[in-house]
């Protein structure tokens, strides 16, 4: 995409940040702050508090970059500072809860049982006729693609905090499962459950939206 600058490798980034290169710091800040803000909002109750957590994180990065040892990627190090900072603010608001257990709203089936064949039917447990996941063909016009991004953003906001945090780290920030487990101090099994539930919720929202979009598109031109 025009205008987007790719970040240099970590060793170069770290060297430039240690040298106080303002252009590099601005580039990193602009590239990562959006994802950091969304992640911080999983731990605190207001956007203003999340913004403060992000600001505090960048201040901590400036103060601590000379001590960065490269045991993880620079981005993982920055996000770890963010998680700790946001957790601390969330604790003051009595919002932060352990990631190791699921909340009641995170329990239960990830897909509505009515979409599967009932016990006793042929192929019980398989998709019922007409209930199979529909293939996604997102229309190419810019307006609709913008609407899809809005749907995704709204769906992320609807997720319980822990589900939103895990899917944000995995599917938005691009972290691997081991990194997410380390950042959030959760077991691999718990991380898988949270991610699966979050992805199932997002899929349902996109299915609903895209089904409606296709119905509208299919009706165009009809008398």
Foldseek 3Di string as FASTA:
>chain_A
DPPQDDQDAQVVLLVCLLVVPPVSLVNVCVVCVVLQLLLLVLQAPDSVVSVVLLVVLSVCCSVCSVVDDPPDGPVLVSSLSSLVSSNVNSVVVVRDDALADDDPVLDDDLDPLVQFADPPDVVGPHGDVPSDQDDDDQDDDPVSVVVLVVLLVVLLVPDNSSLSNLCSVCVVVNDDLVSVCVSRVYDSVSSVSSPVSSVSSSSVSVSVVRVVVVVVVVPPPDD
